[in-house]
Amino acid sequence: MRRIITCLITVIILLSLTSALLKAASAQESTLSIIDSVNGSNNITFPEGTALNTNFTVNITLTNTPLLAAWQINVTYDPTYLNVTSANNVALPADNVFGAYADVIPPTLTAGSVYFMVGIRLGAPFEYVNVTTGTLCQITFTIIKNDTSLPLSCNIHFVAPGEYPIRTKLVDPDANEIPVTLVDANYTIVPEFNNALIMVPLLLTSAIVILLFQRKAWFRRRVH
């Protein structure tokens, strides 16, 4: 009987440890995000009236990724709202994940997309990097439409597996693909509230309340 109880306790402990390890692995999954370089948010907003040709920069940020040897991104956006004007607007910062050993293939720009690939340079003193949090690259967008008569919003989107042959992916030194969760950004110009549209309902409501009180007072006088 004691042996059975001991075995059961052992099984329970092993199951608990397995569950804890799975949760830890899940919490540490690799994530690739498009974020505002200023505030780190995935929501990039500008007020109505923002001047045309205003620029903003996003960071392509990677977290919790071991054995990274190379990466490629394909990022799409709505070319009627935004533009990446030249390859110079796709930059590799000095503190990128590969540092001075980055081997860069010049970016390819089309209307509404940016394709960029970088690996570790041949002869580097390492074959891979383990990334806790780091920047792959930066992309600077130019606002080319600010008319808010219609909703003005678009995703800045990672092309994912199954969407298009040229897609976003990470690889290890053996050219195996590293699983990663892709997190897009959303760009929006937020229209200002029209004060007239707010005030008219308030004035109408106030007028109705006043009329109701006056009518109630009139009935009271008639009763008395």
Protein backbone atom coordinates (compact mmCIF):
# COMPACT_ATOMS: atom_id res chain seq x y z
CA MET A 1 0.00 0.00 0.00
CA ARG A 2 2.80 2.40 0.92
CA ARG A 3 4.51 1.63 -2.38
CA ILE A 4 1.32 2.53 -4.29
CA ILE A 5 0.96 5.80 -2.37
CA THR A 6 4.63 6.62 -2.99
CA CYS A 7 4.19 5.95 -6.73
CA LEU A 8 1.09 8.13 -6.85
CA ILE A 9 2.89 10.97 -5.09
CA THR A 10 5.81 10.63 -7.52
CA VAL A 11 3.45 10.75 -10.52
CA ILE A 12 1.70 13.85 -9.13
CA ILE A 13 5.04 15.60 -8.56
CA LEU A 14 6.21 14.74 -12.09
CA LEU A 15 2.97 16.02 -13.59
CA SER A 16 3.27 19.23 -11.61
CA LEU A 17 6.86 19.73 -12.76
CA THR A 18 5.88 19.04 -16.38
CA SER A 19 3.06 21.56 -16.16
CA ALA A 20 5.37 24.16 -14.63
CA LEU A 21 7.97 23.61 -17.35
CA LEU A 22 5.34 23.91 -20.09
CA LYS A 23 4.04 27.14 -18.58
CA ALA A 24 7.57 28.52 -18.33
CA ALA A 25 8.25 27.58 -21.95
CA SER A 26 5.00 29.20 -23.04
CA ALA A 27 5.80 32.37 -21.12
CA GLN A 28 9.20 32.53 -22.84
CA GLU A 29 8.03 31.95 -26.42
CA SER A 30 9.76 33.91 -29.15
CA THR A 31 7.92 37.08 -30.18
CA LEU A 32 8.58 39.49 -33.05
CA SER A 33 6.79 42.82 -32.76
CA ILE A 34 6.36 46.07 -34.67
CA ILE A 35 6.42 48.89 -32.12
CA ASP A 36 6.59 52.67 -32.04
CA SER A 37 10.23 53.64 -31.53
CA VAL A 38 9.20 56.45 -29.16
CA ASN A 39 6.78 54.78 -26.72
CA GLY A 40 7.05 51.07 -27.50
CA SER A 41 3.35 50.70 -28.33
CA ASN A 42 1.81 48.61 -31.10
CA ASN A 43 -0.80 51.36 -31.57
CA ILE A 44 0.64 54.29 -33.51
CA THR A 45 -1.73 57.25 -33.45
CA PHE A 46 -1.63 60.82 -34.71
CA PRO A 47 -4.20 63.60 -34.24
CA GLU A 48 -6.34 64.98 -37.02
CA GLY A 49 -4.49 67.73 -38.86
CA THR A 50 -1.10 66.01 -38.70
CA ALA A 51 0.93 67.51 -41.53
CA LEU A 52 1.55 65.53 -44.68
CA ASN A 53 5.10 64.17 -44.97
CA THR A 54 5.33 63.72 -41.20
CA ASN A 55 7.66 60.80 -40.45
CA PHE A 56 7.55 58.17 -37.74
CA THR A 57 9.80 55.19 -37.04
CA VAL A 58 8.97 51.69 -35.89
CA ASN A 59 11.31 49.18 -34.31
CA ILE A 60 11.21 45.53 -35.32
CA THR A 61 11.77 44.04 -31.88
CA LEU A 62 12.56 40.42 -31.02
CA THR A 63 12.24 38.77 -27.60
CA ASN A 64 13.06 35.38 -26.06
CA THR A 65 14.80 33.82 -29.06
CA PRO A 66 17.76 31.43 -28.72
CA LEU A 67 20.10 30.34 -31.52
CA LEU A 68 19.30 33.16 -33.94
CA ALA A 69 21.62 33.08 -36.97
CA ALA A 70 19.63 35.01 -39.59
CA TRP A 71 16.28 36.68 -40.11
CA GLN A 72 14.11 38.06 -42.86
CA ILE A 73 11.02 40.26 -42.66
CA ASN A 74 8.33 41.12 -45.14
CA VAL A 75 6.26 43.99 -43.76
CA THR A 76 3.19 45.32 -45.57
CA TYR A 77 1.11 48.47 -45.13
CA ASP A 78 -1.51 50.53 -47.01
CA PRO A 79 0.39 52.59 -49.63
CA THR A 80 -2.50 55.06 -49.93
CA TYR A 81 -1.84 56.19 -46.33
CA LEU A 82 1.88 55.61 -45.81
CA ASN A 83 5.11 55.36 -47.76
CA VAL A 84 8.66 54.16 -47.18
CA THR A 85 10.39 56.61 -49.46
CA SER A 86 13.76 54.89 -49.96
CA ALA A 87 15.99 52.05 -48.82
CA ASN A 88 17.68 54.57 -46.50
CA ASN A 89 14.48 54.49 -44.43
CA VAL A 90 15.14 50.85 -43.55
CA ALA A 91 18.00 51.01 -41.08
CA LEU A 92 20.09 48.66 -39.00
CA PRO A 93 20.84 50.41 -35.68
CA ALA A 94 24.25 50.01 -34.07
CA ASP A 95 22.68 48.03 -31.23
CA ASN A 96 21.00 45.51 -33.55
CA VAL A 97 21.04 41.88 -32.40
CA PHE A 98 24.10 40.98 -34.53
CA GLY A 99 25.99 44.19 -33.74
CA ALA A 100 28.96 44.92 -35.99
CA TYR A 101 28.84 41.38 -37.41
CA ALA A 102 25.59 41.86 -39.32
CA ASP A 103 25.70 40.77 -42.97
CA VAL A 104 23.09 42.91 -44.72
CA ILE A 105 21.24 42.25 -47.97
CA PRO A 106 19.90 45.64 -49.15
CA PRO A 107 16.15 46.00 -48.57
CA THR A 108 13.64 45.61 -51.37
CA LEU A 109 10.79 48.14 -51.47
CA THR A 110 7.56 47.85 -53.41
CA ALA A 111 4.32 49.82 -53.14
CA GLY A 112 3.10 48.77 -49.72
CA SER A 113 5.85 46.38 -48.63
CA VAL A 114 9.37 46.19 -47.22
CA TYR A 115 11.52 43.05 -47.55
CA PHE A 116 14.79 42.90 -45.62
CA MET A 117 17.18 40.06 -44.75
CA VAL A 118 20.19 40.03 -42.41
CA GLY A 119 22.48 37.25 -41.17
CA ILE A 120 25.72 36.88 -39.24
CA ARG A 121 28.78 37.82 -41.27
CA LEU A 122 31.14 35.06 -42.40
CA GLY A 123 34.15 34.96 -40.06
CA ALA A 124 32.27 36.34 -37.07
CA PRO A 125 33.42 34.93 -33.71
CA PHE A 126 29.97 33.39 -33.15
CA GLU A 127 27.42 31.44 -35.19
CA TYR A 128 24.31 32.61 -33.39
CA VAL A 129 23.02 34.93 -30.70
CA ASN A 130 20.59 34.31 -27.87
CA VAL A 131 18.17 37.22 -27.80
CA THR A 132 16.37 38.26 -24.63
CA THR A 133 15.18 41.56 -26.10
CA GLY A 134 16.72 43.21 -29.12
CA THR A 135 16.10 45.26 -32.24
CA LEU A 136 16.39 43.68 -35.68
CA CYS A 137 15.93 46.90 -37.64
CA GLN A 138 14.00 50.18 -37.90
CA ILE A 139 11.61 51.36 -40.62
CA THR A 140 10.68 55.01 -41.12
CA PHE A 141 7.26 55.71 -42.64
CA THR A 142 6.00 58.95 -44.20
CA ILE A 143 2.36 60.01 -43.81
CA ILE A 144 0.96 60.76 -47.27
CA LYS A 145 -2.75 61.11 -46.45
CA ASN A 146 -4.39 62.95 -43.55
CA ASP A 147 -8.02 63.27 -44.67
CA THR A 148 -10.19 61.97 -41.80
CA SER A 149 -13.55 62.27 -43.56
CA LEU A 150 -13.36 58.46 -43.61
CA PRO A 151 -11.68 56.19 -41.04
CA LEU A 152 -7.94 56.44 -41.66
CA SER A 153 -6.28 53.35 -40.27
CA CYS A 154 -4.18 50.44 -41.48
CA ASN A 155 -2.17 47.55 -40.12
CA ILE A 156 1.59 47.48 -40.40
CA HIS A 157 1.73 43.75 -40.91
CA PHE A 158 4.26 40.92 -40.85
CA VAL A 159 3.68 38.57 -43.79
CA ALA A 160 3.23 35.22 -42.03
CA PRO A 161 3.65 31.61 -43.19
CA GLY A 162 1.00 30.66 -45.73
CA GLU A 163 0.28 34.24 -46.81
CA TYR A 164 2.99 34.70 -49.44
CA PRO A 165 6.18 32.84 -50.42
CA ILE A 166 8.37 35.76 -49.32
CA ARG A 167 7.50 35.99 -45.65
CA THR A 168 8.84 36.76 -42.22
CA LYS A 169 11.03 34.12 -40.59
CA LEU A 170 13.92 33.45 -38.21
CA VAL A 171 16.51 30.69 -38.65
CA ASP A 172 19.16 28.97 -36.52
CA PRO A 173 22.75 28.05 -37.60
CA ASP A 174 21.48 24.83 -39.23
CA ALA A 175 18.93 26.80 -41.30
CA ASN A 176 16.05 25.43 -39.25
CA GLU A 177 13.17 27.84 -38.86
CA ILE A 178 12.62 29.17 -35.34
CA PRO A 179 8.94 29.31 -34.29
CA VAL A 180 7.88 32.86 -33.49
CA THR A 181 4.72 34.77 -32.64
CA LEU A 182 4.24 37.78 -34.93
CA VAL A 183 2.68 40.94 -33.48
CA ASP A 184 1.57 43.63 -35.94
CA ALA A 185 1.15 47.36 -35.33
CA ASN A 186 -1.86 49.52 -36.12
CA TYR A 187 -1.53 53.04 -37.55
CA THR A 188 -4.40 55.52 -37.11
CA ILE A 189 -5.09 59.22 -37.53
CA VAL A 190 -7.71 59.96 -34.88
CA PRO A 191 -10.39 62.50 -35.91
CA GLU A 192 -11.21 65.26 -33.45
CA PHE A 193 -14.70 65.27 -31.99
CA ASN A 194 -17.03 67.82 -33.56
CA ASN A 195 -18.24 69.98 -30.67
CA ALA A 196 -21.41 70.89 -32.55
CA LEU A 197 -22.34 67.23 -32.85
CA ILE A 198 -21.94 66.87 -29.10
CA MET A 199 -23.69 70.10 -28.09
CA VAL A 200 -26.86 69.71 -30.21
CA PRO A 201 -28.06 66.52 -28.45
CA LEU A 202 -27.22 68.06 -25.06
CA LEU A 203 -29.21 71.22 -25.83
CA LEU A 204 -32.17 69.19 -27.08
CA THR A 205 -32.11 67.02 -23.97
CA SER A 206 -31.96 70.11 -21.73
CA ALA A 207 -34.91 71.69 -23.57
CA ILE A 208 -37.00 68.53 -23.16
CA VAL A 209 -36.23 68.37 -19.42
CA ILE A 210 -37.20 72.04 -18.97
CA LEU A 211 -40.48 71.51 -20.85
CA LEU A 212 -41.31 68.48 -18.72
CA PHE A 213 -40.71 70.43 -15.50
CA GLN A 214 -42.83 73.32 -16.75
CA ARG A 215 -45.63 70.95 -17.74
CA LYS A 216 -45.47 69.26 -14.34
CA ALA A 217 -45.65 72.64 -12.55
CA TRP A 218 -48.63 73.66 -14.71
CA PHE A 219 -50.53 70.48 -13.77
CA ARG A 220 -49.81 71.08 -10.09
CA ARG A 221 -51.28 74.60 -10.30
CA ARG A 222 -54.40 73.23 -12.04
CA VAL A 223 -54.88 70.59 -9.33
CA HIS A 224 -54.53 73.10 -6.48
